[in-house]
């Protein structure tokens, strides 16, 4: 019986997404054939296979959670950080010093 940590370590050693998908499919099929070996794990193999089959797995995960690609989310968070900083300046009364050009 493998732990989630052992599965994760083995998964990280794989270099290509194709190999990772094959590894995930192997575990999914093994879970179907031997469910008793996987009762301690709560892993949705099909979702992982779909994600790692995607051209950009990170974008797939970000779209599922945030509804945006990774870059879109980073741009959104950067814009939000600027708004929060401006709001904090107003609340504290400590605006950033203005740089004057000579």
PDB file of N, CA and C in Angstrom:
ATOM      1  N   UNK A   1       0.832  -1.180   0.000  1.00  0.00           N
ATOM      2  CA  UNK A   1       0.000   0.000   0.000  1.00  0.00           C
ATOM      3  C   UNK A   1       0.882   1.251   0.000  1.00  0.00           C
ATOM      4  N   UNK A   2       0.697   2.093  -0.976  1.00  0.00           N
ATOM      5  CA  UNK A   2       1.464   3.330  -1.052  1.00  0.00           C
ATOM      6  C   UNK A   2       0.721   4.456  -0.345  1.00  0.00           C
ATOM      7  N   UNK A   3       1.508   5.353   0.246  1.00  0.00           N
ATOM      8  CA  UNK A   3       0.915   6.540   0.847  1.00  0.00           C
ATOM      9  C   UNK A   3       0.797   7.620  -0.226  1.00  0.00           C
ATOM     10  N   UNK A   4       0.026   8.634   0.088  1.00  0.00           N
ATOM     11  CA  UNK A   4      -0.116   9.756  -0.843  1.00  0.00           C
ATOM     12  C   UNK A   4       1.248  10.415  -1.079  1.00  0.00           C
ATOM     13  N   UNK A   5       2.062  10.470  -0.031  1.00  0.00           N
ATOM     14  CA  UNK A   5       3.384  11.077  -0.146  1.00  0.00           C
ATOM     15  C   UNK A   5       4.281  10.283  -1.090  1.00  0.00           C
ATOM     16  N   UNK A   6       4.220   8.947  -1.018  1.00  0.00           N
ATOM     17  CA  UNK A   6       5.028   8.116  -1.909  1.00  0.00           C
ATOM     18  C   UNK A   6       4.585   8.280  -3.361  1.00  0.00           C
ATOM     19  N   UNK A   7       3.285   8.337  -3.567  1.00  0.00           N
ATOM     20  CA  UNK A   7       2.763   8.536  -4.921  1.00  0.00           C
ATOM     21  C   UNK A   7       3.227   9.890  -5.450  1.00  0.00           C
ATOM     22  N   UNK A   8       3.164  10.915  -4.610  1.00  0.00           N
ATOM     23  CA  UNK A   8       3.596  12.259  -5.009  1.00  0.00           C
ATOM     24  C   UNK A   8       5.084  12.268  -5.368  1.00  0.00           C
ATOM     25  N   UNK A   9       5.914  11.626  -4.543  1.00  0.00           N
ATOM     26  CA  UNK A   9       7.359  11.581  -4.813  1.00  0.00           C
ATOM     27  C   UNK A   9       7.649  10.883  -6.137  1.00  0.00           C
ATOM     28  N   UNK A  10       6.997   9.742  -6.370  1.00  0.00           N
ATOM     29  CA  UNK A  10       7.191   9.024  -7.631  1.00  0.00           C
ATOM     30  C   UNK A  10       6.736   9.869  -8.811  1.00  0.00           C
ATOM     31  N   UNK A  11       5.626  10.560  -8.643  1.00  0.00           N
ATOM     32  CA  UNK A  11       5.078  11.411  -9.694  1.00  0.00           C
ATOM     33  C   UNK A  11       6.050  12.541 -10.042  1.00  0.00           C
ATOM     34  N   UNK A  12       6.667  13.135  -9.032  1.00  0.00           N
ATOM     35  CA  UNK A  12       7.593  14.254  -9.252  1.00  0.00           C
ATOM     36  C   UNK A  12       8.841  13.825 -10.010  1.00  0.00           C
ATOM     37  N   UNK A  13       9.209  12.576  -9.922  1.00  0.00           N
ATOM     38  CA  UNK A  13      10.406  12.074 -10.602  1.00  0.00           C
ATOM     39  C   UNK A  13      10.198  11.944 -12.107  1.00  0.00           C
ATOM     40  N   UNK A  14       8.963  11.871 -12.538  1.00  0.00           N
ATOM     41  CA  UNK A  14       8.662  11.711 -13.956  1.00  0.00           C
ATOM     42  C   UNK A  14       8.911  13.028 -14.683  1.00  0.00           C
ATOM     43  N   UNK A  15       9.550  12.941 -15.827  1.00  0.00           N
ATOM     44  CA  UNK A  15       9.986  14.157 -16.528  1.00  0.00           C
ATOM     45  C   UNK A  15       8.949  14.734 -17.489  1.00  0.00           C
ATOM     46  N   UNK A  16       8.214  13.898 -18.192  1.00  0.00           N
ATOM     47  CA  UNK A  16       7.284  14.426 -19.201  1.00  0.00           C
ATOM     48  C   UNK A  16       5.843  14.293 -18.729  1.00  0.00           C
ATOM     49  N   UNK A  17       5.002  15.150 -19.269  1.00  0.00           N
ATOM     50  CA  UNK A  17       3.573  15.078 -18.945  1.00  0.00           C
ATOM     51  C   UNK A  17       2.982  13.759 -19.435  1.00  0.00           C
ATOM     52  N   UNK A  18       3.492  13.255 -20.560  1.00  0.00           N
ATOM     53  CA  UNK A  18       3.000  11.990 -21.088  1.00  0.00           C
ATOM     54  C   UNK A  18       3.248  10.866 -20.084  1.00  0.00           C
ATOM     55  N   UNK A  19       4.448  10.830 -19.506  1.00  0.00           N
ATOM     56  CA  UNK A  19       4.777   9.813 -18.499  1.00  0.00           C
ATOM     57  C   UNK A  19       3.909   9.986 -17.253  1.00  0.00           C
ATOM     58  N   UNK A  20       3.643  11.230 -16.873  1.00  0.00           N
ATOM     59  CA  UNK A  20       2.813  11.502 -15.702  1.00  0.00           C
ATOM     60  C   UNK A  20       1.389  11.006 -15.932  1.00  0.00           C
ATOM     61  N   UNK A  21       0.868  11.231 -17.128  1.00  0.00           N
ATOM     62  CA  UNK A  21      -0.478  10.764 -17.450  1.00  0.00           C
ATOM     63  C   UNK A  21      -0.518   9.234 -17.410  1.00  0.00           C
ATOM     64  N   UNK A  22       0.497   8.583 -17.969  1.00  0.00           N
ATOM     65  CA  UNK A  22       0.553   7.120 -17.935  1.00  0.00           C
ATOM     66  C   UNK A  22       0.584   6.615 -16.496  1.00  0.00           C
ATOM     67  N   UNK A  23       1.342   7.278 -15.647  1.00  0.00           N
ATOM     68  CA  UNK A  23       1.441   6.909 -14.229  1.00  0.00           C
ATOM     69  C   UNK A  23       0.078   7.033 -13.547  1.00  0.00           C
ATOM     70  N   UNK A  24      -0.614   8.134 -13.811  1.00  0.00           N
ATOM     71  CA  UNK A  24      -1.937   8.357 -13.219  1.00  0.00           C
ATOM     72  C   UNK A  24      -2.954   7.332 -13.717  1.00  0.00           C
ATOM     73  N   UNK A  25      -2.909   7.024 -15.004  1.00  0.00           N
ATOM     74  CA  UNK A  25      -3.814   6.023 -15.564  1.00  0.00           C
ATOM     75  C   UNK A  25      -3.550   4.665 -14.915  1.00  0.00           C
ATOM     76  N   UNK A  26      -2.281   4.354 -14.701  1.00  0.00           N
ATOM     77  CA  UNK A  26      -1.936   3.097 -14.035  1.00  0.00           C
ATOM     78  C   UNK A  26      -2.535   2.999 -12.642  1.00  0.00           C
ATOM     79  N   UNK A  27      -2.469   4.088 -11.888  1.00  0.00           N
ATOM     80  CA  UNK A  27      -3.060   4.093 -10.545  1.00  0.00           C
ATOM     81  C   UNK A  27      -4.582   4.039 -10.599  1.00  0.00           C
ATOM     82  N   UNK A  28      -5.180   4.740 -11.557  1.00  0.00           N
ATOM     83  CA  UNK A  28      -6.629   4.702 -11.683  1.00  0.00           C
ATOM     84  C   UNK A  28      -7.097   3.274 -11.971  1.00  0.00           C
ATOM     85  N   UNK A  29      -6.408   2.610 -12.904  1.00  0.00           N
ATOM     86  CA  UNK A  29      -6.774   1.240 -13.262  1.00  0.00           C
ATOM     87  C   UNK A  29      -6.515   0.282 -12.106  1.00  0.00           C
ATOM     88  N   UNK A  30      -5.413   0.505 -11.380  1.00  0.00           N
ATOM     89  CA  UNK A  30      -5.100  -0.347 -10.236  1.00  0.00           C
ATOM     90  C   UNK A  30      -6.146  -0.173  -9.134  1.00  0.00           C
ATOM     91  N   UNK A  31      -6.626   1.045  -8.946  1.00  0.00           N
ATOM     92  CA  UNK A  31      -7.650   1.287  -7.924  1.00  0.00           C
ATOM     93  C   UNK A  31      -8.943   0.552  -8.285  1.00  0.00           C
ATOM     94  N   UNK A  32      -9.265   0.526  -9.573  1.00  0.00           N
ATOM     95  CA  UNK A  32     -10.469  -0.197 -10.003  1.00  0.00           C
ATOM     96  C   UNK A  32     -10.301  -1.702  -9.810  1.00  0.00           C
ATOM     97  N   UNK A  33      -9.101  -2.206 -10.087  1.00  0.00           N
ATOM     98  CA  UNK A  33      -8.850  -3.641  -9.978  1.00  0.00           C
ATOM     99  C   UNK A  33      -8.679  -4.091  -8.530  1.00  0.00           C
ATOM    100  N   UNK A  34      -8.090  -3.228  -7.700  1.00  0.00           N
ATOM    101  CA  UNK A  34      -7.789  -3.558  -6.301  1.00  0.00           C
ATOM    102  C   UNK A  34      -8.217  -2.412  -5.386  1.00  0.00           C
ATOM    103  N   UNK A  35      -9.509  -2.188  -5.226  1.00  0.00           N
ATOM    104  CA  UNK A  35      -9.982  -1.035  -4.442  1.00  0.00           C
ATOM    105  C   UNK A  35      -9.508  -1.042  -2.992  1.00  0.00           C
ATOM    106  N   UNK A  36      -9.262  -2.198  -2.430  1.00  0.00           N
ATOM    107  CA  UNK A  36      -8.812  -2.275  -1.045  1.00  0.00           C
ATOM    108  C   UNK A  36      -7.448  -1.640  -0.822  1.00  0.00           C
ATOM    109  N   UNK A  37      -6.644  -1.579  -1.867  1.00  0.00           N
ATOM    110  CA  UNK A  37      -5.312  -0.996  -1.753  1.00  0.00           C
ATOM    111  C   UNK A  37      -5.346   0.542  -1.736  1.00  0.00           C
ATOM    112  N   UNK A  38      -6.482   1.121  -2.050  1.00  0.00           N
ATOM    113  CA  UNK A  38      -6.583   2.576  -2.187  1.00  0.00           C
ATOM    114  C   UNK A  38      -7.619   3.202  -1.261  1.00  0.00           C
ATOM    115  N   UNK A  39      -8.160   2.439  -0.330  1.00  0.00           N
ATOM    116  CA  UNK A  39      -9.226   2.968   0.527  1.00  0.00           C
ATOM    117  C   UNK A  39      -8.759   4.116   1.409  1.00  0.00           C
ATOM    118  N   UNK A  40      -7.473   4.160   1.724  1.00  0.00           N
ATOM    119  CA  UNK A  40      -6.933   5.219   2.578  1.00  0.00           C
ATOM    120  C   UNK A  40      -6.638   6.511   1.815  1.00  0.00           C
ATOM    121  N   UNK A  41      -6.799   6.489   0.493  1.00  0.00           N
ATOM    122  CA  UNK A  41      -6.498   7.657  -0.341  1.00  0.00           C
ATOM    123  C   UNK A  41      -7.780   8.279  -0.885  1.00  0.00           C
ATOM    124  N   UNK A  42      -7.776   9.586  -0.951  1.00  0.00           N
ATOM    125  CA  UNK A  42      -8.884  10.310  -1.553  1.00  0.00           C
ATOM    126  C   UNK A  42      -8.314  11.108  -2.728  1.00  0.00           C
ATOM    127  N   UNK A  43      -8.132  10.423  -3.845  1.00  0.00           N
ATOM    128  CA  UNK A  43      -7.531  11.041  -5.025  1.00  0.00           C
ATOM    129  C   UNK A  43      -8.476  10.840  -6.196  1.00  0.00           C
ATOM    130  N   UNK A  44      -8.792  11.921  -6.888  1.00  0.00           N
ATOM    131  CA  UNK A  44      -9.623  11.833  -8.080  1.00  0.00           C
ATOM    132  C   UNK A  44      -8.691  11.692  -9.287  1.00  0.00           C
ATOM    133  N   UNK A  45      -8.432  10.459  -9.654  1.00  0.00           N
ATOM    134  CA  UNK A  45      -7.479  10.171 -10.728  1.00  0.00           C
ATOM    135  C   UNK A  45      -7.935  10.771 -12.050  1.00  0.00           C
ATOM    136  N   UNK A  46      -9.233  10.716 -12.325  1.00  0.00           N
ATOM    137  CA  UNK A  46      -9.737  11.225 -13.607  1.00  0.00           C
ATOM    138  C   UNK A  46      -9.486  12.725 -13.759  1.00  0.00           C
ATOM    139  N   UNK A  47      -9.684  13.494 -12.692  1.00  0.00           N
ATOM    140  CA  UNK A  47      -9.407  14.932 -12.771  1.00  0.00           C
ATOM    141  C   UNK A  47      -7.919  15.195 -12.993  1.00  0.00           C
ATOM    142  N   UNK A  48      -7.078  14.425 -12.328  1.00  0.00           N
ATOM    143  CA  UNK A  48      -5.631  14.599 -12.517  1.00  0.00           C
ATOM    144  C   UNK A  48      -5.216  14.220 -13.936  1.00  0.00           C
ATOM    145  N   UNK A  49      -5.796  13.155 -14.452  1.00  0.00           N
ATOM    146  CA  UNK A  49      -5.476  12.738 -15.822  1.00  0.00           C
ATOM    147  C   UNK A  49      -5.899  13.823 -16.809  1.00  0.00           C
ATOM    148  N   UNK A  50      -7.072  14.394 -16.607  1.00  0.00           N
ATOM    149  CA  UNK A  50      -7.544  15.475 -17.480  1.00  0.00           C
ATOM    150  C   UNK A  50      -6.604  16.673 -17.398  1.00  0.00           C
ATOM    151  N   UNK A  51      -6.213  17.040 -16.192  1.00  0.00           N
ATOM    152  CA  UNK A  51      -5.327  18.202 -16.008  1.00  0.00           C
ATOM    153  C   UNK A  51      -3.976  17.983 -16.665  1.00  0.00           C
ATOM    154  N   UNK A  52      -3.364  16.845 -16.423  1.00  0.00           N
ATOM    155  CA  UNK A  52      -2.021  16.594 -16.948  1.00  0.00           C
ATOM    156  C   UNK A  52      -2.030  16.237 -18.424  1.00  0.00           C
ATOM    157  N   UNK A  53      -3.201  15.965 -18.984  1.00  0.00           N
ATOM    158  CA  UNK A  53      -3.320  15.752 -20.428  1.00  0.00           C
ATOM    159  C   UNK A  53      -3.422  17.092 -21.150  1.00  0.00           C
ATOM    160  N   UNK A  54      -3.769  18.133 -20.422  1.00  0.00           N
ATOM    161  CA  UNK A  54      -3.908  19.471 -20.990  1.00  0.00           C
ATOM    162  C   UNK A  54      -2.545  19.993 -21.436  1.00  0.00           C
ATOM    163  N   UNK A  55      -2.563  20.905 -22.397  1.00  0.00           N
ATOM    164  CA  UNK A  55      -1.318  21.502 -22.896  1.00  0.00           C
ATOM    165  C   UNK A  55      -0.544  22.185 -21.762  1.00  0.00           C
ATOM    166  N   UNK A  56      -1.278  22.856 -20.876  1.00  0.00           N
ATOM    167  CA  UNK A  56      -0.651  23.548 -19.751  1.00  0.00           C
ATOM    168  C   UNK A  56      -1.416  23.177 -18.471  1.00  0.00           C
ATOM    169  N   UNK A  57      -0.932  22.171 -17.729  1.00  0.00           N
ATOM    170  CA  UNK A  57      -1.651  21.717 -16.531  1.00  0.00           C
ATOM    171  C   UNK A  57      -1.877  22.818 -15.494  1.00  0.00           C
ATOM    172  N   UNK A  58      -0.908  23.707 -15.336  1.00  0.00           N
ATOM    173  CA  UNK A  58      -1.072  24.784 -14.348  1.00  0.00           C
ATOM    174  C   UNK A  58      -2.255  25.675 -14.715  1.00  0.00           C
ATOM    175  N   UNK A  59      -2.379  26.002 -15.996  1.00  0.00           N
ATOM    176  CA  UNK A  59      -3.523  26.805 -16.437  1.00  0.00           C
ATOM    177  C   UNK A  59      -4.833  26.062 -16.192  1.00  0.00           C
ATOM    178  N   UNK A  60      -4.829  24.749 -16.409  1.00  0.00           N
ATOM    179  CA  UNK A  60      -6.034  23.948 -16.165  1.00  0.00           C
ATOM    180  C   UNK A  60      -6.466  24.085 -14.704  1.00  0.00           C
ATOM    181  N   UNK A  61      -5.525  23.918 -13.775  1.00  0.00           N
ATOM    182  CA  UNK A  61      -5.855  24.020 -12.356  1.00  0.00           C
ATOM    183  C   UNK A  61      -6.346  25.426 -11.997  1.00  0.00           C
ATOM    184  N   UNK A  62      -5.673  26.450 -12.502  1.00  0.00           N
ATOM    185  CA  UNK A  62      -6.088  27.822 -12.214  1.00  0.00           C
ATOM    186  C   UNK A  62      -7.478  28.114 -12.779  1.00  0.00           C
ATOM    187  N   UNK A  63      -7.784  27.590 -13.966  1.00  0.00           N
ATOM    188  CA  UNK A  63      -9.114  27.799 -14.539  1.00  0.00           C
ATOM    189  C   UNK A  63     -10.184  27.128 -13.684  1.00  0.00           C
ATOM    190  N   UNK A  64      -9.875  25.959 -13.124  1.00  0.00           N
ATOM    191  CA  UNK A  64     -10.836  25.254 -12.288  1.00  0.00           C
ATOM    192  C   UNK A  64     -11.119  26.011 -10.987  1.00  0.00           C
ATOM    193  N   UNK A  65     -10.080  26.612 -10.408  1.00  0.00           N
ATOM    194  CA  UNK A  65     -10.220  27.280  -9.118  1.00  0.00           C
ATOM    195  C   UNK A  65     -10.644  28.740  -9.265  1.00  0.00           C
ATOM    196  N   UNK A  66      -9.980  29.473 -10.152  1.00  0.00           N
ATOM    197  CA  UNK A  66     -10.201  30.916 -10.259  1.00  0.00           C
ATOM    198  C   UNK A  66     -10.977  31.337 -11.507  1.00  0.00           C
ATOM    199  N   UNK A  67     -11.128  30.428 -12.461  1.00  0.00           N
ATOM    200  CA  UNK A  67     -11.788  30.778 -13.709  1.00  0.00           C
ATOM    201  C   UNK A  67     -10.904  31.592 -14.638  1.00  0.00           C
ATOM    202  N   UNK A  68      -9.596  31.572 -14.377  1.00  0.00           N
ATOM    203  CA  UNK A  68      -8.625  32.321 -15.175  1.00  0.00           C
ATOM    204  C   UNK A  68      -7.380  31.463 -15.372  1.00  0.00           C
ATOM    205  N   UNK A  69      -6.607  31.775 -16.419  1.00  0.00           N
ATOM    206  CA  UNK A  69      -5.313  31.114 -16.574  1.00  0.00           C
ATOM    207  C   UNK A  69      -4.376  31.634 -15.490  1.00  0.00           C
ATOM    208  N   UNK A  70      -3.236  30.992 -15.363  1.00  0.00           N
ATOM    209  CA  UNK A  70      -2.252  31.420 -14.366  1.00  0.00           C
ATOM    210  C   UNK A  70      -1.875  32.890 -14.576  1.00  0.00           C
ATOM    211  N   UNK A  71      -1.543  33.257 -15.813  1.00  0.00           N
ATOM    212  CA  UNK A  71      -1.106  34.631 -16.080  1.00  0.00           C
ATOM    213  C   UNK A  71      -2.235  35.628 -15.827  1.00  0.00           C
ATOM    214  N   UNK A  72      -3.442  35.279 -16.206  1.00  0.00           N
ATOM    215  CA  UNK A  72      -4.581  36.155 -15.941  1.00  0.00           C
ATOM    216  C   UNK A  72      -4.777  36.363 -14.443  1.00  0.00           C
ATOM    217  N   UNK A  73      -4.602  35.306 -13.661  1.00  0.00           N
ATOM    218  CA  UNK A  73      -4.751  35.417 -12.207  1.00  0.00           C
ATOM    219  C   UNK A  73      -3.644  36.273 -11.604  1.00  0.00           C
ATOM    220  N   UNK A  74      -2.420  36.110 -12.093  1.00  0.00           N
ATOM    221  CA  UNK A  74      -1.313  36.927 -11.588  1.00  0.00           C
ATOM    222  C   UNK A  74      -1.544  38.401 -11.905  1.00  0.00           C
ATOM    223  N   UNK A  75      -2.033  38.696 -13.112  1.00  0.00           N
ATOM    224  CA  UNK A  75      -2.344  40.078 -13.485  1.00  0.00           C
ATOM    225  C   UNK A  75      -3.457  40.638 -12.596  1.00  0.00           C
ATOM    226  N   UNK A  76      -4.480  39.831 -12.345  1.00  0.00           N
ATOM    227  CA  UNK A  76      -5.591  40.244 -11.495  1.00  0.00           C
ATOM    228  C   UNK A  76      -5.103  40.539 -10.077  1.00  0.00           C
ATOM    229  N   UNK A  77      -4.286  39.637  -9.520  1.00  0.00           N
ATOM    230  CA  UNK A  77      -3.781  39.837  -8.162  1.00  0.00           C
ATOM    231  C   UNK A  77      -2.875  41.053  -8.078  1.00  0.00           C
ATOM    232  N   UNK A  78      -2.102  41.285  -9.107  1.00  0.00           N
ATOM    233  CA  UNK A  78      -1.229  42.457  -9.130  1.00  0.00           C
ATOM    234  C   UNK A  78      -2.067  43.734  -9.123  1.00  0.00           C
ATOM    235  N   UNK A  79      -3.129  43.744  -9.905  1.00  0.00           N
ATOM    236  CA  UNK A  79      -4.023  44.911  -9.935  1.00  0.00           C
ATOM    237  C   UNK A  79      -4.695  45.091  -8.582  1.00  0.00           C
ATOM    238  N   UNK A  80      -5.114  43.990  -7.955  1.00  0.00           N
ATOM    239  CA  UNK A  80      -5.753  44.060  -6.643  1.00  0.00           C
ATOM    240  C   UNK A  80      -4.775  44.592  -5.588  1.00  0.00           C
ATOM    241  N   UNK A  81      -3.515  44.151  -5.661  1.00  0.00           N
ATOM    242  CA  UNK A  81      -2.516  44.621  -4.699  1.00  0.00           C
ATOM    243  C   UNK A  81      -2.341  46.135  -4.799  1.00  0.00           C
ATOM    244  N   UNK A  82      -2.354  46.668  -6.022  1.00  0.00           N
ATOM    245  CA  UNK A  82      -2.235  48.109  -6.207  1.00  0.00           C
ATOM    246  C   UNK A  82      -3.417  48.844  -5.614  1.00  0.00           C
ATOM    247  N   UNK A  83      -4.617  48.298  -5.766  1.00  0.00           N
ATOM    248  CA  UNK A  83      -5.814  48.927  -5.200  1.00  0.00           C
ATOM    249  C   UNK A  83      -5.788  48.892  -3.680  1.00  0.00           C
ATOM    250  N   UNK A  84      -5.352  47.769  -3.115  1.00  0.00           N
ATOM    251  CA  UNK A  84      -5.278  47.648  -1.660  1.00  0.00           C
ATOM    252  C   UNK A  84      -4.251  48.617  -1.086  1.00  0.00           C
ATOM    253  N   UNK A  85      -3.133  48.769  -1.769  1.00  0.00           N
ATOM    254  CA  UNK A  85      -2.094  49.684  -1.308  1.00  0.00           C
ATOM    255  C   UNK A  85      -2.621  51.118  -1.299  1.00  0.00           C
ATOM    256  N   UNK A  86      -3.338  51.486  -2.352  1.00  0.00           N
ATOM    257  CA  UNK A  86      -3.905  52.831  -2.445  1.00  0.00           C
ATOM    258  C   UNK A  86      -4.940  53.055  -1.337  1.00  0.00           C
ATOM    259  N   UNK A  87      -5.760  52.052  -1.075  1.00  0.00           N
ATOM    260  CA  UNK A  87      -6.777  52.143  -0.031  1.00  0.00           C
ATOM    261  C   UNK A  87      -6.120  52.280   1.343  1.00  0.00           C
ATOM    262  N   UNK A  88      -5.068  51.520   1.584  1.00  0.00           N
ATOM    263  CA  UNK A  88      -4.355  51.601   2.859  1.00  0.00           C
ATOM    264  C   UNK A  88      -3.734  52.978   3.064  1.00  0.00           C
ATOM    265  N   UNK A  89      -3.248  53.578   1.988  1.00  0.00           N
ATOM    266  CA  UNK A  89      -2.672  54.912   2.089  1.00  0.00           C
ATOM    267  C   UNK A  89      -3.740  55.918   2.507  1.00  0.00           C
ATOM    268  N   UNK A  90      -4.924  55.788   1.967  1.00  0.00           N
ATOM    269  CA  UNK A  90      -6.016  56.698   2.323  1.00  0.00           C
ATOM    270  C   UNK A  90      -6.433  56.518   3.778  1.00  0.00           C
ATOM    271  N   UNK A  91      -6.517  55.267   4.224  1.00  0.00           N
ATOM    272  CA  UNK A  91      -6.952  54.985   5.591  1.00  0.00           C
ATOM    273  C   UNK A  91      -5.950  55.481   6.628  1.00  0.00           C
ATOM    274  N   UNK A  92      -4.661  55.320   6.345  1.00  0.00           N
ATOM    275  CA  UNK A  92      -3.642  55.677   7.332  1.00  0.00           C
ATOM    276  C   UNK A  92      -3.234  57.138   7.242  1.00  0.00           C
ATOM    277  N   UNK A  93      -3.539  57.767   6.124  1.00  0.00           N
ATOM    278  CA  UNK A  93      -3.128  59.157   5.956  1.00  0.00           C
ATOM    279  C   UNK A  93      -1.647  59.278   5.652  1.00  0.00           C
ATOM    280  N   UNK A  94      -1.019  58.192   5.276  1.00  0.00           N
ATOM    281  CA  UNK A  94       0.417  58.187   4.949  1.00  0.00           C
ATOM    282  C   UNK A  94       0.604  57.898   3.465  1.00  0.00           C
ATOM    283  N   UNK A  95       0.350  58.872   2.628  1.00  0.00           N
ATOM    284  CA  UNK A  95       0.527  58.625   1.200  1.00  0.00           C
ATOM    285  C   UNK A  95       1.997  58.458   0.848  1.00  0.00           C
ATOM    286  N   UNK A  96       2.233  57.817  -0.276  1.00  0.00           N
ATOM    287  CA  UNK A  96       3.609  57.674  -0.751  1.00  0.00           C
ATOM    288  C   UNK A  96       4.120  59.045  -1.144  1.00  0.00           C
ATOM    289  N   UNK A  97       5.409  59.299  -0.918  1.00  0.00           N
ATOM    290  CA  UNK A  97       5.967  60.587  -1.349  1.00  0.00           C
ATOM    291  C   UNK A  97       5.962  60.699  -2.868  1.00  0.00           C
ATOM    292  N   UNK A  98       5.672  61.871  -3.346  1.00  0.00           N
ATOM    293  CA  UNK A  98       5.642  62.118  -4.776  1.00  0.00           C
ATOM    294  C   UNK A  98       7.024  62.532  -5.216  1.00  0.00           C
ATOM    295  N   UNK A  99       7.501  61.899  -6.276  1.00  0.00           N
ATOM    296  CA  UNK A  99       8.818  62.234  -6.809  1.00  0.00           C
ATOM    297  C   UNK A  99       8.659  63.353  -7.827  1.00  0.00           C
ATOM    298  N   UNK A 100       9.313  64.455  -7.563  1.00  0.00           N
ATOM    299  CA  UNK A 100       9.265  65.579  -8.491  1.00  0.00           C
ATOM    300  C   UNK A 100      10.411  65.505  -9.456  1.00  0.00           C
ATOM    301  N   UNK A 101      10.122  65.800 -10.710  1.00  0.00           N
ATOM    302  CA  UNK A 101      11.173  65.784 -11.713  1.00  0.00           C
ATOM    303  C   UNK A 101      11.735  67.184 -11.851  1.00  0.00           C
ATOM    304  N   UNK A 102      13.051  67.257 -11.973  1.00  0.00           N
ATOM    305  CA  UNK A 102      13.708  68.562 -12.086  1.00  0.00           C
ATOM    306  C   UNK A 102      13.756  69.047 -13.494  1.00  0.00           C
TER     307      UNK A 102
END
